[in-house]
């Protein structure tokens, strides 16, 4: 099993910054993609940013404001969020995909961390 633990959410004023972190642990053999999704009330969960060994992806709504990074040695992924807007308010979920030590693919999710952007 692979477990994810997220941290770093909270309340921030518009224009402010927050950094989300996610640590993966358990029977990990390799990690392919690490990403962050978010879900606002009444909306579908959407991919915010993702990072693999070769590329990164950002949703158009966060390009230039959010930066995703990963530490392969620690199996962690961070999301640096700047110039936050009220519409960024959502529960943010970490997602990690890879193979476990039994060479079975896994697709694990964190429990989510609340980000609220409000004055």
Protein backbone atom coordinates (compact mmCIF):
# COMPACT_ATOMS: atom_id res chain seq x y z
CA UNK A 1 0.00 0.00 0.00
CA UNK A 2 1.02 3.56 -0.67
CA UNK A 3 -0.06 6.35 1.66
CA UNK A 4 -0.07 10.06 0.99
CA UNK A 5 0.05 12.78 3.61
CA UNK A 6 -0.69 16.37 2.60
CA UNK A 7 0.08 19.55 4.48
CA UNK A 8 0.12 23.28 4.00
CA UNK A 9 -3.45 24.33 3.36
CA UNK A 10 -5.14 27.22 5.10
CA UNK A 11 -6.68 30.65 4.82
CA UNK A 12 -4.91 33.33 2.82
CA UNK A 13 -5.85 36.75 1.49
CA UNK A 14 -6.16 37.39 -2.24
CA UNK A 15 -2.74 37.95 -3.73
CA UNK A 16 -1.09 35.85 -1.07
CA UNK A 17 0.90 32.63 -1.27
CA UNK A 18 0.69 29.13 0.11
CA UNK A 19 2.81 26.03 -0.29
CA UNK A 20 1.27 22.58 -0.29
CA UNK A 21 3.34 19.48 0.37
CA UNK A 22 2.62 15.81 -0.12
CA UNK A 23 4.73 12.89 1.06
CA UNK A 24 4.28 9.37 -0.29
CA UNK A 25 5.27 6.35 1.76
CA UNK A 26 4.81 2.60 1.75
CA UNK A 27 5.68 -0.12 -0.70
CA UNK A 28 6.93 2.13 -3.48
CA UNK A 29 9.12 0.76 -6.25
CA UNK A 30 8.86 3.66 -8.63
CA UNK A 31 6.79 6.79 -9.14
CA UNK A 32 5.64 7.86 -12.57
CA UNK A 33 3.52 10.94 -12.06
CA UNK A 34 2.81 13.15 -9.07
CA UNK A 35 0.09 15.74 -9.22
CA UNK A 36 -2.34 18.04 -7.49
CA UNK A 37 -6.06 18.18 -8.13
CA UNK A 38 -8.66 20.45 -6.61
CA UNK A 39 -12.37 20.39 -6.08
CA UNK A 40 -14.44 23.45 -5.31
CA UNK A 41 -17.97 23.18 -3.87
CA UNK A 42 -20.42 22.13 -6.55
CA UNK A 43 -17.70 21.53 -9.12
CA UNK A 44 -15.89 18.52 -10.49
CA UNK A 45 -12.41 17.65 -9.39
CA UNK A 46 -9.88 19.13 -11.79
CA UNK A 47 -6.19 18.61 -12.44
CA UNK A 48 -4.19 21.64 -11.34
CA UNK A 49 -0.61 20.53 -12.00
CA UNK A 50 1.34 17.35 -12.57
CA UNK A 51 4.97 16.40 -12.88
CA UNK A 52 6.74 13.38 -14.31
CA UNK A 53 10.40 12.67 -14.96
CA UNK A 54 10.19 14.45 -18.29
CA UNK A 55 7.49 17.08 -18.16
CA UNK A 56 5.19 19.26 -16.16
CA UNK A 57 1.58 20.22 -16.76
CA UNK A 58 -0.40 23.20 -15.50
CA UNK A 59 -4.02 24.03 -15.94
CA UNK A 60 -4.48 27.26 -17.85
CA UNK A 61 -6.08 28.87 -14.82
CA UNK A 62 -2.90 28.53 -12.74
CA UNK A 63 -0.12 28.98 -15.30
CA UNK A 64 2.36 31.58 -14.18
CA UNK A 65 1.07 31.53 -10.61
CA UNK A 66 1.61 27.95 -9.41
CA UNK A 67 4.80 25.89 -9.50
CA UNK A 68 4.96 22.14 -8.96
CA UNK A 69 8.15 20.41 -7.88
CA UNK A 70 9.15 16.96 -6.68
CA UNK A 71 11.93 15.39 -4.67
CA UNK A 72 12.53 11.90 -6.00
CA UNK A 73 14.74 10.90 -3.09
CA UNK A 74 12.04 11.78 -0.56
CA UNK A 75 8.99 10.88 -2.69
CA UNK A 76 7.49 14.29 -2.11
CA UNK A 77 5.70 16.76 -4.32
CA UNK A 78 5.09 20.41 -3.54
CA UNK A 79 2.80 23.00 -5.03
CA UNK A 80 3.87 26.60 -4.59
CA UNK A 81 0.86 28.83 -5.09
CA UNK A 82 1.25 32.57 -5.57
CA UNK A 83 -1.03 35.45 -6.53
CA UNK A 84 -3.91 33.46 -5.13
CA UNK A 85 -7.43 34.36 -6.15
CA UNK A 86 -10.77 33.63 -4.49
CA UNK A 87 -11.53 31.21 -7.33
CA UNK A 88 -8.57 29.09 -6.18
CA UNK A 89 -10.57 28.20 -3.08
CA UNK A 90 -11.01 24.43 -3.03
CA UNK A 91 -9.95 21.21 -1.40
CA UNK A 92 -6.62 20.25 -2.92
CA UNK A 93 -5.76 16.57 -3.35
CA UNK A 94 -2.40 14.98 -3.94
CA UNK A 95 -2.26 12.11 -6.45
CA UNK A 96 0.64 9.75 -7.06
CA UNK A 97 0.87 6.98 -9.66
CA UNK A 98 3.57 4.39 -10.01
CA UNK A 99 4.48 0.80 -9.25
CA UNK A 100 4.74 -0.84 -5.87
CA UNK A 101 7.36 -3.34 -4.76
CA UNK A 102 5.21 -6.12 -6.21
CA UNK A 103 5.41 -4.33 -9.57
CA UNK A 104 1.70 -3.63 -9.46
CA UNK A 105 0.58 -0.21 -10.57
CA UNK A 106 -0.92 2.05 -7.94
CA UNK A 107 -2.96 5.24 -8.10
CA UNK A 108 -3.09 6.79 -4.65
CA UNK A 109 -4.90 9.85 -3.34
CA UNK A 110 -4.43 11.98 -0.30
CA UNK A 111 -7.30 12.99 1.96
CA UNK A 112 -7.23 16.58 0.78
CA UNK A 113 -6.30 19.90 2.31
CA UNK A 114 -8.50 22.98 2.32
CA UNK A 115 -7.27 26.16 0.68
CA UNK A 116 -9.43 29.25 1.23
CA UNK A 117 -8.63 32.55 -0.43
CA UNK A 118 -10.63 35.32 1.14
CA UNK A 119 -10.26 38.79 2.59
